[in-house]
Amino acid sequence: MFDAILKKPACTLLACYYIIVLLVPNVALCVTESMGAASAVVNMLVPAGLYILLLSLFHRTGWAVLCMLPFSILAAFQIVLLFLYGGSIIAVDMFLNVVTTNMSEVTELLANLGTAIAVVVLLYLPPIVWAIVSLVRGKVLRKEIAKVMRYAGVVILVTGLLTGCVWAHADNSYNMHREVFPINVLHNIVIAIDRTTDVKNYSRTSELFKYSGRS
C-alpha cells in the first residue's frame, strides 16, 4: 500500500499540492491573528482533514479539484484581503460590498493589488490547469491511495474537532465557527445572504415595526 504512495502518481501529487495551497490562508491567519497554539492547531487540522477527505472521495482527482473551486475562491479572496489589510478574515460587510460595488470601484481597487493578484494566480491557477490536464489524460487516484487518504482525513478532522471542543471548554471565548478558516468565512456568507434577503424584503420584514416616539 505504502509502496504505491511512494511512487507518487500524478493524482497523488495533484492532491498533495492542492491541499498545501488551500492551507496557505490558514498558515497566514495563524500568524496575522496571533493565534495561540491550540487555536492554530485546530485552524490547521480541521480544514486539512476536510480537504483530504473530500479529495479521497473522487475517483479522478481532477474532478475533485474543479468541484472544490469554491474553496479556492475563498482562499484567494482571503489572501487578497490579507495583502490589503494585513489581517482579519473576510467579514460580512466585505461580501455585501462585493455584491453592491460597481466596476469602476473594483478596477481602482485591483489596480493597487498587483502583488496580491500575482500571488493568487501563482497559487491557484496551476492546480486548476493541472486538474484539467489530468482529466484529459484520464488520470485516476489509485484505490489504495484513496483509502489511506480517507483514513488520514477522518483521523485529522476528528482530532482537530476534538481539540477545538476541548479548547472551547477550557476557554469560553473560543468558538470554532469564528476561529477556523474557511468555517468562519462560510458562516459570514450565511449572515450576508440573510441580511441581503432582509433588505430585499424590507417592506415585509418591517411591516410589524412601530416607532412609538414621543416629543
Protein backbone atom coordinates (compact mmCIF):
# COMPACT_ATOMS: atom_id res chain seq x y z
CA MET A 1 0.00 0.00 0.00
CA PHE A 2 2.66 2.49 1.06
CA ASP A 3 4.94 1.44 -1.81
CA ALA A 4 2.28 2.72 -4.20
CA ILE A 5 2.17 6.04 -2.38
CA LEU A 6 5.93 6.43 -2.55
CA LYS A 7 5.80 6.10 -6.33
CA LYS A 8 3.91 9.41 -6.30
CA PRO A 9 1.43 9.02 -9.19
CA ALA A 10 0.18 12.20 -10.81
CA CYS A 11 -3.15 12.34 -8.96
CA THR A 12 -1.44 11.92 -5.59
CA LEU A 13 0.92 14.81 -6.35
CA LEU A 14 -2.00 16.94 -7.51
CA ALA A 15 -3.95 16.18 -4.33
CA CYS A 16 -0.96 16.99 -2.11
CA TYR A 17 -0.24 20.23 -3.94
CA TYR A 18 -3.87 21.31 -3.83
CA ILE A 19 -4.12 20.67 -0.08
CA ILE A 20 -1.00 22.75 0.51
CA VAL A 21 -2.21 25.77 -1.48
CA LEU A 22 -5.64 25.62 0.16
CA LEU A 23 -3.97 25.78 3.57
CA VAL A 24 -1.90 28.89 2.75
CA PRO A 25 -4.58 31.27 4.19
CA ASN A 26 -4.72 29.17 7.36
CA VAL A 27 -0.97 29.45 7.85
CA ALA A 28 -1.11 33.19 7.23
CA LEU A 29 -4.04 33.69 9.64
CA CYS A 30 -2.23 31.77 12.38
CA VAL A 31 0.43 34.49 12.16
CA THR A 32 -1.62 37.62 11.46
CA GLU A 33 -4.27 36.81 14.09
CA SER A 34 -1.64 35.87 16.70
CA MET A 35 -3.40 32.60 17.46
CA GLY A 36 -2.42 30.57 20.47
CA ALA A 37 -1.03 27.08 19.99
CA ALA A 38 -4.37 25.31 20.46
CA SER A 39 -6.25 27.68 18.14
CA ALA A 40 -3.55 27.36 15.48
CA VAL A 41 -3.63 23.56 15.67
CA VAL A 42 -7.40 23.49 15.22
CA ASN A 43 -7.19 26.06 12.42
CA MET A 44 -4.82 23.77 10.54
CA LEU A 45 -6.16 20.30 11.34
CA VAL A 46 -9.88 20.80 10.71
CA PRO A 47 -9.60 22.18 7.15
CA ALA A 48 -6.70 19.86 6.31
CA GLY A 49 -8.73 16.82 7.33
CA LEU A 50 -11.76 18.09 5.44
CA TYR A 51 -9.78 18.74 2.23
CA ILE A 52 -8.05 15.35 2.37
CA LEU A 53 -11.35 13.58 2.97
CA LEU A 54 -13.10 15.38 0.10
CA LEU A 55 -10.26 14.66 -2.33
CA SER A 56 -10.26 10.98 -1.38
CA LEU A 57 -13.94 10.64 -2.32
CA PHE A 58 -13.28 11.28 -6.02
CA HIS A 59 -12.03 8.60 -8.38
CA ARG A 60 -10.49 11.36 -10.51
CA THR A 61 -8.64 13.99 -8.55
CA GLY A 62 -9.11 16.44 -11.43
CA TRP A 63 -12.85 16.47 -10.82
CA ALA A 64 -12.25 16.90 -7.08
CA VAL A 65 -10.14 20.00 -7.66
CA LEU A 66 -12.72 21.51 -10.00
CA CYS A 67 -15.60 20.73 -7.65
CA MET A 68 -13.67 22.30 -4.77
CA LEU A 69 -13.19 25.58 -6.67
CA PRO A 70 -15.35 27.46 -4.12
CA PHE A 71 -12.66 26.71 -1.53
CA SER A 72 -10.03 28.06 -3.93
CA ILE A 73 -12.05 31.23 -4.46
CA LEU A 74 -12.45 31.79 -0.71
CA ALA A 75 -8.74 31.14 -0.16
CA ALA A 76 -7.80 33.58 -2.92
CA PHE A 77 -10.22 36.20 -1.55
CA GLN A 78 -8.72 35.77 1.91
CA ILE A 79 -5.16 36.18 0.65
CA VAL A 80 -6.08 39.38 -1.20
CA LEU A 81 -7.71 40.69 1.98
CA LEU A 82 -4.57 39.91 3.99
CA PHE A 83 -2.49 41.88 1.49
CA LEU A 84 -4.99 44.72 1.69
CA TYR A 85 -5.44 44.99 5.47
CA GLY A 86 -2.66 42.84 6.92
CA GLY A 87 -5.05 40.66 8.91
CA SER A 88 -8.64 39.63 9.69
CA ILE A 89 -10.92 37.17 7.93
CA ILE A 90 -13.45 38.05 5.24
CA ALA A 91 -16.15 39.90 7.16
CA VAL A 92 -19.86 40.04 6.41
CA ASP A 93 -19.55 43.62 5.15
CA MET A 94 -16.90 42.53 2.64
CA PHE A 95 -19.35 40.14 1.00
CA LEU A 96 -22.05 42.79 1.00
CA ASN A 97 -19.61 45.21 -0.66
CA VAL A 98 -18.84 42.66 -3.37
CA VAL A 99 -22.46 42.49 -4.49
CA THR A 100 -23.09 46.23 -4.22
CA THR A 101 -19.89 47.70 -5.69
CA ASN A 102 -19.51 48.91 -9.28
CA MET A 103 -16.91 48.18 -11.94
CA SER A 104 -15.01 51.46 -11.51
CA GLU A 105 -14.50 50.81 -7.80
CA VAL A 106 -13.37 47.26 -8.50
CA THR A 107 -10.91 48.42 -11.16
CA GLU A 108 -9.46 51.07 -8.85
CA LEU A 109 -9.03 48.55 -6.03
CA LEU A 110 -7.47 45.84 -8.19
CA ALA A 111 -5.02 48.36 -9.68
CA ASN A 112 -3.42 48.65 -6.23
CA LEU A 113 -3.30 44.91 -5.59
CA GLY A 114 -0.93 43.72 -8.30
CA THR A 115 1.25 41.70 -5.92
CA ALA A 116 -1.73 40.05 -4.23
CA ILE A 117 -3.28 39.12 -7.59
CA ALA A 118 0.04 37.70 -8.80
CA VAL A 119 0.35 35.55 -5.68
CA VAL A 120 -3.22 34.30 -6.04
CA VAL A 121 -2.70 33.43 -9.71
CA LEU A 122 0.57 31.61 -8.98
CA LEU A 123 -1.04 29.63 -6.18
CA TYR A 124 -4.45 28.70 -7.55
CA LEU A 125 -4.23 28.69 -11.33
CA PRO A 126 -1.67 25.82 -11.61
CA PRO A 127 -3.82 23.22 -9.77
CA ILE A 128 -6.81 24.13 -11.96
CA VAL A 129 -4.77 23.69 -15.13
CA TRP A 130 -3.22 20.52 -13.71
CA ALA A 131 -6.68 19.17 -12.90
CA ILE A 132 -7.92 19.78 -16.45
CA VAL A 133 -4.83 18.12 -17.94
CA SER A 134 -5.29 15.21 -15.52
CA LEU A 135 -8.88 14.75 -16.68
CA VAL A 136 -7.94 14.94 -20.36
CA ARG A 137 -5.28 12.27 -19.83
CA GLY A 138 -7.67 10.08 -17.86
CA LYS A 139 -5.60 10.04 -14.66
CA VAL A 140 -7.26 8.34 -11.69
CA LEU A 141 -6.47 8.13 -8.00
CA ARG A 142 -5.43 4.62 -7.03
CA LYS A 143 -7.83 2.86 -4.69
CA GLU A 144 -5.15 2.06 -2.12
CA ILE A 145 -4.05 5.68 -2.01
CA ALA A 146 -7.65 6.90 -1.75
CA LYS A 147 -8.16 4.50 1.16
CA VAL A 148 -5.14 5.86 3.03
CA MET A 149 -6.23 9.46 2.31
CA ARG A 150 -9.75 8.73 3.52
CA TYR A 151 -8.46 7.23 6.75
CA ALA A 152 -5.97 10.06 7.28
CA GLY A 153 -8.61 12.69 6.51
CA VAL A 154 -11.03 11.28 9.08
CA VAL A 155 -8.33 10.98 11.76
CA ILE A 156 -7.03 14.52 11.17
CA LEU A 157 -10.52 16.03 11.02
CA VAL A 158 -11.73 14.27 14.18
CA THR A 159 -8.51 15.18 16.01
CA GLY A 160 -8.98 18.82 15.04
CA LEU A 161 -12.64 18.86 16.07
CA LEU A 162 -11.92 17.20 19.43
CA THR A 163 -9.08 19.62 20.09
CA GLY A 164 -11.42 22.50 19.26
CA CYS A 165 -14.12 21.18 21.59
CA VAL A 166 -11.63 20.74 24.44
CA TRP A 167 -10.21 24.21 23.89
CA ALA A 168 -13.71 25.74 23.71
CA HIS A 169 -14.49 24.10 27.05
CA ALA A 170 -11.27 25.49 28.56
CA ASP A 171 -11.70 28.96 27.05
CA ASN A 172 -15.27 30.25 26.84
CA SER A 173 -14.25 32.98 24.40
CA TYR A 174 -13.11 30.45 21.80
CA ASN A 175 -15.53 29.31 19.12
CA MET A 176 -14.56 27.24 16.07
CA HIS A 177 -17.05 28.91 13.75
CA ARG A 178 -15.25 32.21 14.40
CA GLU A 179 -11.65 30.97 14.53
CA VAL A 180 -11.30 28.29 11.83
CA PHE A 181 -10.94 29.21 8.16
CA PRO A 182 -12.98 28.62 5.99
CA ILE A 183 -15.72 27.75 8.50
CA ASN A 184 -15.76 31.33 9.78
CA VAL A 185 -15.99 32.73 6.26
CA LEU A 186 -18.80 30.35 5.31
CA HIS A 187 -20.62 31.45 8.47
CA ASN A 188 -20.21 35.08 7.39
CA ILE A 189 -21.57 34.23 3.93
CA VAL A 190 -24.73 32.83 5.51
CA ILE A 191 -25.13 36.02 7.55
CA ALA A 192 -24.52 38.17 4.46
CA ILE A 193 -27.16 36.25 2.49
CA ASP A 194 -29.60 36.60 5.38
CA ARG A 195 -29.01 40.36 5.57
CA THR A 196 -29.36 40.76 1.82
CA THR A 197 -32.64 38.86 1.91
CA ASP A 198 -33.93 41.06 4.72
CA VAL A 199 -33.05 44.20 2.76
CA LYS A 200 -34.78 42.94 -0.40
CA ASN A 201 -37.87 42.07 1.61
CA TYR A 202 -37.75 45.21 3.74
CA SER A 203 -41.43 46.01 3.36
CA ARG A 204 -42.43 42.56 4.58
CA THR A 205 -39.82 42.11 7.32
CA SER A 206 -40.53 45.57 8.77
CA GLU A 207 -44.32 45.64 8.45
CA LEU A 208 -44.83 44.93 12.16
CA PHE A 209 -42.31 47.51 13.30
CA LYS A 210 -43.77 50.54 15.06
CA TYR A 211 -41.93 53.65 16.07
CA SER A 212 -43.72 54.97 19.14
CA GLY A 213 -41.77 58.18 19.51
CA ARG A 214 -42.90 60.92 21.83
CA SER A 215 -41.89 64.55 21.90
